[in-house]
Amino acid sequence: MKLHNSIINFALTATAILLICSNTYPAEFIYPSFESNIPARGTLSTLPYRSSDHKIAYGLDPLQFGELWLPTTQNQLGLLILVHGGCWSNIGRINSLHAASTALSQAGFAVWSIEYRASEDSGGGWPGTYNDVILAINFVEELSNYGVGIEDISLIGHSAGGHLVTLAGTEHDEFDVKIDKIISLAGINKVAEYAHGESPEGSIMELCQNLLTQFVGGTIEQYPSIYEAIDPARRVIHPQTYLFVSELDDVVPVSQGSLGGAETIFVEGAGHSDYGHPGTLAFSRLKELLLNEK
């Protein structure tokens, strides 16, 4: 009996070590409630998550890939395409949305979370970064080979990813697949206004404004035509566009959540990064929108 118990204890200990080292958890991991306005840097990438079911290349570059989470429920509620933020730069990567992808798959959605070439990466910046997003969206047709239904698709982006999806929504008629909803989470939806906005010296907002200049390749005074072309506020947006804004966002002002034809969803007490944390009020508001649409 002692030997039997020792074997069991060893197995449990080994499993626990494996889970900790891999930062992964069982499919039904429960994220406890977390107070709003979590730190903008670092927190999301350290959250526990379930490993994706598939890592799939949508292009030839090593950064042109997506991770696919299959729903852990019997019925798929829809397909979510996630685009992470990071001010268009490689200070943010796909792992910032691993926890969100885990929780959304547990809620019954298939999740296609994409990586892309950022400004500092070879081929990134404008228009390479945006073209990667479009390529990953059109790749969705291939996901049917993994048992994923593509009849109900929501395109969701956070921060600079919110800008990329809102901009992509202005061209939704040209995609190979039908996009049903565009959801921008604390997104930069008014590019020219953001470029001209005042920000405290040394703040994350100032950093992001500088990285916008890097993304374009110059200032708005140098390349006014590019800034106009990439500004969703200057284009006709997708008819089902939802803009989430956070009361306490110190990276993207609340004014960025207002576009003609879009529905604004204001989250009191929320900060910029709350949408990536499954335990926050902001994340629950996102889930409510997705589930109420069913």
C-alpha atoms as a PDB file:
ATOM      1  CA  MET A   1       0.000   0.000   0.000  1.00  0.00           C
ATOM      2  CA  LYS A   2       2.846   2.394   0.860  1.00  0.00           C
ATOM      3  CA  LEU A   3       4.471   1.687  -2.479  1.00  0.00           C
ATOM      4  CA  HIS A   4       1.141   2.241  -4.243  1.00  0.00           C
ATOM      5  CA  ASN A   5       0.643   5.573  -2.457  1.00  0.00           C
ATOM      6  CA  SER A   6       4.204   6.601  -3.249  1.00  0.00           C
ATOM      7  CA  ILE A   7       3.632   5.941  -6.941  1.00  0.00           C
ATOM      8  CA  ILE A   8       0.420   7.969  -6.882  1.00  0.00           C
ATOM      9  CA  ASN A   9       2.103  10.857  -5.044  1.00  0.00           C
ATOM     10  CA  PHE A  10       5.008  10.784  -7.495  1.00  0.00           C
ATOM     11  CA  ALA A  11       2.620  10.867 -10.458  1.00  0.00           C
ATOM     12  CA  LEU A  12       0.665  13.778  -8.990  1.00  0.00           C
ATOM     13  CA  THR A  13       3.853  15.686  -8.215  1.00  0.00           C
ATOM     14  CA  ALA A  14       5.233  15.079 -11.709  1.00  0.00           C
ATOM     15  CA  THR A  15       1.964  16.253 -13.246  1.00  0.00           C
ATOM     16  CA  ALA A  16       1.983  19.401 -11.127  1.00  0.00           C
ATOM     17  CA  ILE A  17       5.572  20.157 -12.126  1.00  0.00           C
ATOM     18  CA  LEU A  18       4.740  19.620 -15.778  1.00  0.00           C
ATOM     19  CA  LEU A  19       1.782  21.985 -15.570  1.00  0.00           C
ATOM     20  CA  ILE A  20       3.814  24.667 -13.828  1.00  0.00           C
ATOM     21  CA  CYS A  21       6.758  24.407 -16.200  1.00  0.00           C
ATOM     22  CA  SER A  22       4.629  24.463 -19.328  1.00  0.00           C
ATOM     23  CA  ASN A  23       2.319  27.172 -17.932  1.00  0.00           C
ATOM     24  CA  THR A  24      -0.658  25.100 -19.095  1.00  0.00           C
ATOM     25  CA  TYR A  25      -3.698  23.832 -17.243  1.00  0.00           C
ATOM     26  CA  PRO A  26      -6.592  21.427 -17.819  1.00  0.00           C
ATOM     27  CA  ALA A  27      -9.268  22.375 -20.339  1.00  0.00           C
ATOM     28  CA  GLU A  28     -11.696  23.605 -17.682  1.00  0.00           C
ATOM     29  CA  PHE A  29      -9.340  25.842 -15.760  1.00  0.00           C
ATOM     30  CA  ILE A  30     -11.307  28.450 -13.792  1.00  0.00           C
ATOM     31  CA  TYR A  31      -9.949  31.998 -13.721  1.00  0.00           C
ATOM     32  CA  PRO A  32     -10.770  33.703 -10.414  1.00  0.00           C
ATOM     33  CA  SER A  33     -12.226  37.195 -10.386  1.00  0.00           C
ATOM     34  CA  PHE A  34      -9.646  39.953 -10.611  1.00  0.00           C
ATOM     35  CA  GLU A  35     -10.019  43.620  -9.840  1.00  0.00           C
ATOM     36  CA  SER A  36     -10.098  45.957 -12.801  1.00  0.00           C
ATOM     37  CA  ASN A  37      -7.296  48.045 -14.248  1.00  0.00           C
ATOM     38  CA  ILE A  38      -4.557  45.430 -14.236  1.00  0.00           C
ATOM     39  CA  PRO A  39      -1.008  46.539 -15.141  1.00  0.00           C
ATOM     40  CA  ALA A  40      -0.581  47.263 -18.839  1.00  0.00           C
ATOM     41  CA  ARG A  41       2.688  45.366 -19.134  1.00  0.00           C
ATOM     42  CA  GLY A  42       3.621  41.805 -18.328  1.00  0.00           C
ATOM     43  CA  THR A  43       0.524  40.550 -16.544  1.00  0.00           C
ATOM     44  CA  LEU A  44      -1.312  38.932 -19.475  1.00  0.00           C
ATOM     45  CA  SER A  45       1.662  36.893 -20.689  1.00  0.00           C
ATOM     46  CA  THR A  46       2.122  35.353 -17.221  1.00  0.00           C
ATOM     47  CA  LEU A  47      -1.446  34.057 -16.831  1.00  0.00           C
ATOM     48  CA  PRO A  48      -2.030  30.281 -16.886  1.00  0.00           C
ATOM     49  CA  TYR A  49      -3.525  28.841 -20.070  1.00  0.00           C
ATOM     50  CA  ARG A  50      -4.361  25.671 -21.952  1.00  0.00           C
ATOM     51  CA  SER A  51      -2.042  24.961 -24.853  1.00  0.00           C
ATOM     52  CA  SER A  52      -3.591  25.445 -28.270  1.00  0.00           C
ATOM     53  CA  ASP A  53      -4.752  22.358 -30.133  1.00  0.00           C
ATOM     54  CA  HIS A  54      -2.907  23.292 -33.310  1.00  0.00           C
ATOM     55  CA  LYS A  55      -0.196  25.722 -34.405  1.00  0.00           C
ATOM     56  CA  ILE A  56      -0.637  26.403 -38.123  1.00  0.00           C
ATOM     57  CA  ALA A  57       1.351  28.484 -40.610  1.00  0.00           C
ATOM     58  CA  TYR A  58      -0.749  30.782 -42.786  1.00  0.00           C
ATOM     59  CA  GLY A  59       2.300  32.126 -44.640  1.00  0.00           C
ATOM     60  CA  LEU A  60       5.960  31.390 -45.318  1.00  0.00           C
ATOM     61  CA  ASP A  61       7.545  33.689 -42.712  1.00  0.00           C
ATOM     62  CA  PRO A  62       8.155  32.114 -39.263  1.00  0.00           C
ATOM     63  CA  LEU A  63       5.952  34.809 -37.720  1.00  0.00           C
ATOM     64  CA  GLN A  64       3.049  34.122 -40.068  1.00  0.00           C
ATOM     65  CA  PHE A  65       1.243  31.549 -37.968  1.00  0.00           C
ATOM     66  CA  GLY A  66      -1.845  31.155 -35.842  1.00  0.00           C
ATOM     67  CA  GLU A  67      -2.774  29.043 -32.861  1.00  0.00           C
ATOM     68  CA  LEU A  68      -6.105  27.235 -32.940  1.00  0.00           C
ATOM     69  CA  TRP A  69      -8.074  26.420 -29.818  1.00  0.00           C
ATOM     70  CA  LEU A  70     -10.984  24.062 -30.416  1.00  0.00           C
ATOM     71  CA  PRO A  71     -14.055  24.506 -28.199  1.00  0.00           C
ATOM     72  CA  THR A  72     -14.117  22.287 -25.135  1.00  0.00           C
ATOM     73  CA  THR A  73     -17.914  22.049 -25.357  1.00  0.00           C
ATOM     74  CA  GLN A  74     -19.823  19.680 -27.641  1.00  0.00           C
ATOM     75  CA  ASN A  75     -21.203  22.435 -29.865  1.00  0.00           C
ATOM     76  CA  GLN A  76     -19.172  25.251 -31.407  1.00  0.00           C
ATOM     77  CA  LEU A  77     -20.817  28.643 -30.861  1.00  0.00           C
ATOM     78  CA  GLY A  78     -18.776  30.400 -33.527  1.00  0.00           C
ATOM     79  CA  LEU A  79     -15.250  31.179 -34.673  1.00  0.00           C
ATOM     80  CA  LEU A  80     -13.276  34.014 -33.112  1.00  0.00           C
ATOM     81  CA  ILE A  81     -10.254  35.477 -34.880  1.00  0.00           C
ATOM     82  CA  LEU A  82      -8.034  37.198 -32.299  1.00  0.00           C
ATOM     83  CA  VAL A  83      -5.429  39.851 -33.125  1.00  0.00           C
ATOM     84  CA  HIS A  84      -3.141  40.837 -30.249  1.00  0.00           C
ATOM     85  CA  GLY A  85      -1.858  44.338 -29.580  1.00  0.00           C
ATOM     86  CA  GLY A  86       1.503  45.825 -28.696  1.00  0.00           C
ATOM     87  CA  CYS A  87       1.451  49.218 -30.425  1.00  0.00           C
ATOM     88  CA  TRP A  88       2.140  47.511 -33.777  1.00  0.00           C
ATOM     89  CA  SER A  89       5.557  46.483 -32.393  1.00  0.00           C
ATOM     90  CA  ASN A  90       7.065  43.287 -31.050  1.00  0.00           C
ATOM     91  CA  ILE A  91       6.703  44.450 -27.435  1.00  0.00           C
ATOM     92  CA  GLY A  92       3.443  42.503 -27.672  1.00  0.00           C
ATOM     93  CA  ARG A  93       3.113  38.963 -28.972  1.00  0.00           C
ATOM     94  CA  ILE A  94       0.486  36.243 -29.335  1.00  0.00           C
ATOM     95  CA  ASN A  95       1.065  34.969 -25.785  1.00  0.00           C
ATOM     96  CA  SER A  96      -0.663  38.053 -24.388  1.00  0.00           C
ATOM     97  CA  LEU A  97      -3.978  36.496 -25.466  1.00  0.00           C
ATOM     98  CA  HIS A  98      -3.305  32.858 -24.526  1.00  0.00           C
ATOM     99  CA  ALA A  99      -5.426  33.086 -21.375  1.00  0.00           C
ATOM    100  CA  ALA A 100      -8.248  34.814 -23.256  1.00  0.00           C
ATOM    101  CA  SER A 101      -8.096  32.139 -25.955  1.00  0.00           C
ATOM    102  CA  THR A 102      -8.304  29.429 -23.293  1.00  0.00           C
ATOM    103  CA  ALA A 103     -11.334  30.978 -21.597  1.00  0.00           C
ATOM    104  CA  LEU A 104     -13.162  31.635 -24.870  1.00  0.00           C
ATOM    105  CA  SER A 105     -12.624  28.039 -26.010  1.00  0.00           C
ATOM    106  CA  GLN A 106     -14.041  26.900 -22.672  1.00  0.00           C
ATOM    107  CA  ALA A 107     -17.087  29.078 -23.378  1.00  0.00           C
ATOM    108  CA  GLY A 108     -17.716  27.106 -26.582  1.00  0.00           C
ATOM    109  CA  PHE A 109     -15.910  29.067 -29.284  1.00  0.00           C
ATOM    110  CA  ALA A 110     -13.225  27.986 -31.715  1.00  0.00           C
ATOM    111  CA  VAL A 111     -10.396  30.512 -31.428  1.00  0.00           C
ATOM    112  CA  TRP A 112      -7.925  31.360 -34.195  1.00  0.00           C
ATOM    113  CA  SER A 113      -5.357  33.630 -32.523  1.00  0.00           C
ATOM    114  CA  ILE A 114      -2.808  35.005 -34.950  1.00  0.00           C
ATOM    115  CA  GLU A 115       0.783  36.113 -34.797  1.00  0.00           C
ATOM    116  CA  TYR A 116       2.101  38.585 -37.378  1.00  0.00           C
ATOM    117  CA  ARG A 117       5.178  40.503 -38.383  1.00  0.00           C
ATOM    118  CA  ALA A 118       5.431  43.647 -36.267  1.00  0.00           C
ATOM    119  CA  SER A 119       7.200  46.907 -37.074  1.00  0.00           C
ATOM    120  CA  GLU A 120      10.635  45.724 -35.951  1.00  0.00           C
ATOM    121  CA  ASP A 121      10.345  42.426 -37.815  1.00  0.00           C
ATOM    122  CA  SER A 122      11.517  41.920 -41.372  1.00  0.00           C
ATOM    123  CA  GLY A 123       8.579  42.696 -43.639  1.00  0.00           C
ATOM    124  CA  GLY A 124       6.564  44.255 -40.806  1.00  0.00           C
ATOM    125  CA  GLY A 125       5.238  47.783 -40.432  1.00  0.00           C
ATOM    126  CA  TRP A 126       2.878  49.304 -42.949  1.00  0.00           C
ATOM    127  CA  PRO A 127       1.633  47.572 -45.044  1.00  0.00           C
ATOM    128  CA  GLY A 128       3.242  44.219 -44.125  1.00  0.00           C
ATOM    129  CA  THR A 129       1.687  43.923 -40.659  1.00  0.00           C
ATOM    130  CA  TYR A 130      -1.781  44.667 -41.990  1.00  0.00           C
ATOM    131  CA  ASN A 131      -1.335  42.318 -44.934  1.00  0.00           C
ATOM    132  CA  ASP A 132      -0.476  39.515 -42.503  1.00  0.00           C
ATOM    133  CA  VAL A 133      -3.785  40.057 -40.716  1.00  0.00           C
ATOM    134  CA  ILE A 134      -5.689  39.890 -43.996  1.00  0.00           C
ATOM    135  CA  LEU A 135      -3.789  36.754 -45.018  1.00  0.00           C
ATOM    136  CA  ALA A 136      -4.630  35.098 -41.688  1.00  0.00           C
ATOM    137  CA  ILE A 137      -8.309  36.002 -42.059  1.00  0.00           C
ATOM    138  CA  ASN A 138      -8.510  34.501 -45.527  1.00  0.00           C
ATOM    139  CA  PHE A 139      -6.735  31.381 -44.253  1.00  0.00           C
ATOM    140  CA  VAL A 140      -9.806  30.627 -42.130  1.00  0.00           C
ATOM    141  CA  GLU A 141     -11.262  28.523 -44.950  1.00  0.00           C
ATOM    142  CA  GLU A 142      -8.498  25.985 -44.267  1.00  0.00           C
ATOM    143  CA  LEU A 143      -9.615  25.611 -40.647  1.00  0.00           C
ATOM    144  CA  SER A 144     -12.542  23.464 -41.790  1.00  0.00           C
ATOM    145  CA  ASN A 145      -9.901  20.731 -42.152  1.00  0.00           C
ATOM    146  CA  TYR A 146      -9.650  20.806 -38.354  1.00  0.00           C
ATOM    147  CA  GLY A 147     -13.384  20.484 -37.808  1.00  0.00           C
ATOM    148  CA  VAL A 148     -14.001  24.216 -37.376  1.00  0.00           C
ATOM    149  CA  GLY A 149     -17.227  25.737 -38.659  1.00  0.00           C
ATOM    150  CA  ILE A 150     -16.826  29.087 -40.391  1.00  0.00           C
ATOM    151  CA  GLU A 151     -20.458  30.182 -40.600  1.00  0.00           C
ATOM    152  CA  ASP A 152     -20.310  32.691 -37.725  1.00  0.00           C
ATOM    153  CA  ILE A 153     -17.059  34.645 -37.492  1.00  0.00           C
ATOM    154  CA  SER A 154     -16.112  37.498 -35.166  1.00  0.00           C
ATOM    155  CA  LEU A 155     -12.891  39.439 -35.754  1.00  0.00           C
ATOM    156  CA  ILE A 156     -11.537  40.712 -32.429  1.00  0.00           C
ATOM    157  CA  GLY A 157      -8.472  42.853 -31.764  1.00  0.00           C
ATOM    158  CA  HIS A 158      -6.930  44.458 -28.699  1.00  0.00           C
ATOM    159  CA  SER A 159      -5.233  47.864 -28.671  1.00  0.00           C
ATOM    160  CA  ALA A 160      -3.229  48.177 -31.927  1.00  0.00           C
ATOM    161  CA  GLY A 161      -4.863  44.869 -32.852  1.00  0.00           C
ATOM    162  CA  GLY A 162      -8.162  46.721 -32.409  1.00  0.00           C
ATOM    163  CA  HIS A 163      -7.005  49.225 -35.004  1.00  0.00           C
ATOM    164  CA  LEU A 164      -6.024  46.438 -37.396  1.00  0.00           C
ATOM    165  CA  VAL A 165      -9.401  44.671 -37.136  1.00  0.00           C
ATOM    166  CA  THR A 166     -11.449  47.867 -37.406  1.00  0.00           C
ATOM    167  CA  LEU A 167      -9.464  48.799 -40.497  1.00  0.00           C
ATOM    168  CA  ALA A 168      -9.881  45.285 -41.892  1.00  0.00           C
ATOM    169  CA  GLY A 169     -13.611  45.622 -41.306  1.00  0.00           C
ATOM    170  CA  THR A 170     -13.734  48.486 -43.795  1.00  0.00           C
ATOM    171  CA  GLU A 171     -12.719  45.948 -46.471  1.00  0.00           C
ATOM    172  CA  HIS A 172     -14.883  43.040 -45.309  1.00  0.00           C
ATOM    173  CA  ASP A 173     -16.555  42.635 -48.713  1.00  0.00           C
ATOM    174  CA  GLU A 174     -13.206  41.614 -50.210  1.00  0.00           C
ATOM    175  CA  PHE A 175     -12.475  38.703 -47.851  1.00  0.00           C
ATOM    176  CA  ASP A 176     -12.668  35.052 -48.864  1.00  0.00           C
ATOM    177  CA  VAL A 177     -14.899  34.464 -45.816  1.00  0.00           C
ATOM    178  CA  LYS A 178     -17.822  36.382 -44.356  1.00  0.00           C
ATOM    179  CA  ILE A 179     -17.015  38.355 -41.210  1.00  0.00           C
ATOM    180  CA  ASP A 180     -20.118  38.801 -39.064  1.00  0.00           C
ATOM    181  CA  LYS A 181     -18.788  41.113 -36.348  1.00  0.00           C
ATOM    182  CA  ILE A 182     -15.833  43.408 -35.758  1.00  0.00           C
ATOM    183  CA  ILE A 183     -14.887  43.930 -32.103  1.00  0.00           C
ATOM    184  CA  SER A 184     -12.207  46.431 -31.106  1.00  0.00           C
ATOM    185  CA  LEU A 185     -11.036  46.143 -27.484  1.00  0.00           C
ATOM    186  CA  ALA A 186      -9.450  49.390 -26.287  1.00  0.00           C
ATOM    187  CA  GLY A 187      -8.511  49.884 -29.911  1.00  0.00           C
ATOM    188  CA  ILE A 188      -6.909  52.837 -31.656  1.00  0.00           C
ATOM    189  CA  ASN A 189      -9.754  53.578 -34.029  1.00  0.00           C
ATOM    190  CA  LYS A 190      -8.927  57.213 -34.871  1.00  0.00           C
ATOM    191  CA  VAL A 191      -5.341  57.149 -36.060  1.00  0.00           C
ATOM    192  CA  ALA A 192      -4.890  60.833 -36.939  1.00  0.00           C
ATOM    193  CA  GLU A 193      -6.405  61.918 -33.635  1.00  0.00           C
ATOM    194  CA  TYR A 194      -4.152  59.492 -31.757  1.00  0.00           C
ATOM    195  CA  ALA A 195      -1.050  60.736 -33.570  1.00  0.00           C
ATOM    196  CA  HIS A 196      -1.856  64.334 -32.560  1.00  0.00           C
ATOM    197  CA  GLY A 197      -2.991  63.502 -29.020  1.00  0.00           C
ATOM    198  CA  GLU A 198      -1.208  64.919 -25.988  1.00  0.00           C
ATOM    199  CA  SER A 199       0.366  62.392 -23.637  1.00  0.00           C
ATOM    200  CA  PRO A 200       2.413  62.628 -20.435  1.00  0.00           C
ATOM    201  CA  GLU A 201       6.156  62.462 -20.994  1.00  0.00           C
ATOM    202  CA  GLY A 202       7.466  58.945 -20.456  1.00  0.00           C
ATOM    203  CA  SER A 203       3.976  57.420 -20.463  1.00  0.00           C
ATOM    204  CA  ILE A 204       2.943  54.248 -22.280  1.00  0.00           C
ATOM    205  CA  MET A 205       0.669  56.368 -24.456  1.00  0.00           C
ATOM    206  CA  GLU A 206       3.653  58.457 -25.564  1.00  0.00           C
ATOM    207  CA  LEU A 207       5.551  55.249 -26.313  1.00  0.00           C
ATOM    208  CA  CYS A 208       2.636  53.938 -28.366  1.00  0.00           C
ATOM    209  CA  GLN A 209       2.389  57.192 -30.313  1.00  0.00           C
ATOM    210  CA  ASN A 210       6.078  56.928 -31.141  1.00  0.00           C
ATOM    211  CA  LEU A 211       5.578  53.314 -32.211  1.00  0.00           C
ATOM    212  CA  LEU A 212       2.736  54.434 -34.488  1.00  0.00           C
ATOM    213  CA  THR A 213       5.278  56.648 -36.235  1.00  0.00           C
ATOM    214  CA  GLN A 214       7.582  53.652 -36.528  1.00  0.00           C
ATOM    215  CA  PHE A 215       4.725  51.504 -37.906  1.00  0.00           C
ATOM    216  CA  VAL A 216       4.015  54.009 -40.678  1.00  0.00           C
ATOM    217  CA  GLY A 217       7.641  54.917 -41.301  1.00  0.00           C
ATOM    218  CA  GLY A 218       7.295  58.597 -40.468  1.00  0.00           C
ATOM    219  CA  THR A 219       5.119  61.277 -38.894  1.00  0.00           C
ATOM    220  CA  ILE A 220       1.663  62.339 -39.996  1.00  0.00           C
ATOM    221  CA  GLU A 221       3.200  65.525 -41.387  1.00  0.00           C
ATOM    222  CA  GLN A 222       5.574  63.464 -43.528  1.00  0.00           C
ATOM    223  CA  TYR A 223       3.038  60.903 -44.759  1.00  0.00           C
ATOM    224  CA  PRO A 224      -0.466  62.388 -44.482  1.00  0.00           C
ATOM    225  CA  SER A 225      -1.853  60.141 -47.237  1.00  0.00           C
ATOM    226  CA  ILE A 226      -0.777  56.947 -45.420  1.00  0.00           C
ATOM    227  CA  TYR A 227      -2.275  58.112 -42.127  1.00  0.00           C
ATOM    228  CA  GLU A 228      -5.529  58.846 -43.932  1.00  0.00           C
ATOM    229  CA  ALA A 229      -5.499  55.441 -45.659  1.00  0.00           C
ATOM    230  CA  ILE A 230      -5.024  53.531 -42.383  1.00  0.00           C
ATOM    231  CA  ASP A 231      -7.518  55.557 -40.353  1.00  0.00           C
ATOM    232  CA  PRO A 232     -10.847  53.727 -39.827  1.00  0.00           C
ATOM    233  CA  ALA A 233     -12.410  57.088 -38.958  1.00  0.00           C
ATOM    234  CA  ARG A 234     -11.895  58.147 -42.580  1.00  0.00           C
ATOM    235  CA  ARG A 235     -13.554  55.026 -44.022  1.00  0.00           C
ATOM    236  CA  VAL A 236     -16.875  53.193 -44.030  1.00  0.00           C
ATOM    237  CA  ILE A 237     -16.735  50.692 -41.191  1.00  0.00           C
ATOM    238  CA  HIS A 238     -18.284  47.214 -40.993  1.00  0.00           C
ATOM    239  CA  PRO A 239     -22.025  47.485 -40.210  1.00  0.00           C
ATOM    240  CA  GLN A 240     -21.619  45.294 -37.107  1.00  0.00           C
ATOM    241  CA  THR A 241     -18.729  47.035 -35.359  1.00  0.00           C
ATOM    242  CA  TYR A 242     -18.397  47.156 -31.566  1.00  0.00           C
ATOM    243  CA  LEU A 243     -15.903  49.427 -29.837  1.00  0.00           C
ATOM    244  CA  PHE A 244     -15.032  48.626 -26.211  1.00  0.00           C
ATOM    245  CA  VAL A 245     -13.544  51.491 -24.210  1.00  0.00           C
ATOM    246  CA  SER A 246     -12.135  51.510 -20.674  1.00  0.00           C
ATOM    247  CA  GLU A 247     -12.772  54.267 -18.172  1.00  0.00           C
ATOM    248  CA  LEU A 248      -9.239  54.139 -16.728  1.00  0.00           C
ATOM    249  CA  ASP A 249      -7.304  53.451 -19.937  1.00  0.00           C
ATOM    250  CA  ASP A 250      -3.981  55.305 -19.852  1.00  0.00           C
ATOM    251  CA  VAL A 251      -2.856  54.071 -23.278  1.00  0.00           C
ATOM    252  CA  VAL A 252      -5.883  54.699 -25.507  1.00  0.00           C
ATOM    253  CA  PRO A 253      -8.251  57.592 -24.645  1.00  0.00           C
ATOM    254  CA  VAL A 254     -11.977  56.935 -24.280  1.00  0.00           C
ATOM    255  CA  SER A 255     -12.570  59.247 -27.267  1.00  0.00           C
ATOM    256  CA  GLN A 256     -11.097  56.515 -29.502  1.00  0.00           C
ATOM    257  CA  GLY A 257     -14.251  54.445 -28.926  1.00  0.00           C
ATOM    258  CA  SER A 258     -16.580  56.636 -30.936  1.00  0.00           C
ATOM    259  CA  LEU A 259     -17.061  56.030 -34.662  1.00  0.00           C
ATOM    260  CA  GLY A 260     -20.098  56.741 -36.780  1.00  0.00           C
ATOM    261  CA  GLY A 261     -22.056  53.525 -37.307  1.00  0.00           C
ATOM    262  CA  ALA A 262     -20.351  51.628 -34.481  1.00  0.00           C
ATOM    263  CA  GLU A 263     -21.742  50.652 -31.073  1.00  0.00           C
ATOM    264  CA  THR A 264     -19.665  51.868 -28.148  1.00  0.00           C
ATOM    265  CA  ILE A 265     -19.441  49.677 -25.033  1.00  0.00           C
ATOM    266  CA  PHE A 266     -18.079  51.605 -22.056  1.00  0.00           C
ATOM    267  CA  VAL A 267     -16.631  49.588 -19.169  1.00  0.00           C
ATOM    268  CA  GLU A 268     -16.447  51.455 -15.865  1.00  0.00           C
ATOM    269  CA  GLY A 269     -13.315  51.029 -13.792  1.00  0.00           C
ATOM    270  CA  ALA A 270     -11.550  49.038 -16.509  1.00  0.00           C
ATOM    271  CA  GLY A 271      -7.986  49.564 -17.668  1.00  0.00           C
ATOM    272  CA  HIS A 272      -6.302  49.029 -21.001  1.00  0.00           C
ATOM    273  CA  SER A 273      -5.265  45.383 -20.566  1.00  0.00           C
ATOM    274  CA  ASP A 274      -8.353  44.057 -18.765  1.00  0.00           C
ATOM    275  CA  TYR A 275      -9.814  42.432 -21.887  1.00  0.00           C
ATOM    276  CA  GLY A 276      -7.050  39.833 -21.947  1.00  0.00           C
ATOM    277  CA  HIS A 277      -7.700  38.687 -18.366  1.00  0.00           C
ATOM    278  CA  PRO A 278     -10.613  36.206 -18.104  1.00  0.00           C
ATOM    279  CA  GLY A 279     -11.288  37.211 -14.492  1.00  0.00           C
ATOM    280  CA  THR A 280     -12.095  40.869 -15.147  1.00  0.00           C
ATOM    281  CA  LEU A 281     -15.370  42.711 -15.686  1.00  0.00           C
ATOM    282  CA  ALA A 282     -14.174  43.863 -19.122  1.00  0.00           C
ATOM    283  CA  PHE A 283     -13.667  40.265 -20.267  1.00  0.00           C
ATOM    284  CA  SER A 284     -17.091  39.281 -18.955  1.00  0.00           C
ATOM    285  CA  ARG A 285     -18.637  42.123 -20.981  1.00  0.00           C
ATOM    286  CA  LEU A 286     -16.927  40.751 -24.091  1.00  0.00           C
ATOM    287  CA  LYS A 287     -18.309  37.278 -23.376  1.00  0.00           C
ATOM    288  CA  GLU A 288     -21.776  38.745 -22.827  1.00  0.00           C
ATOM    289  CA  LEU A 289     -21.692  40.380 -26.244  1.00  0.00           C
ATOM    290  CA  LEU A 290     -20.543  37.176 -27.945  1.00  0.00           C
ATOM    291  CA  LEU A 291     -23.032  34.926 -26.124  1.00  0.00           C
ATOM    292  CA  ASN A 292     -26.004  37.274 -26.463  1.00  0.00           C
ATOM    293  CA  GLU A 293     -25.465  37.379 -30.191  1.00  0.00           C
ATOM    294  CA  LYS A 294     -26.161  33.645 -30.381  1.00  0.00           C
END
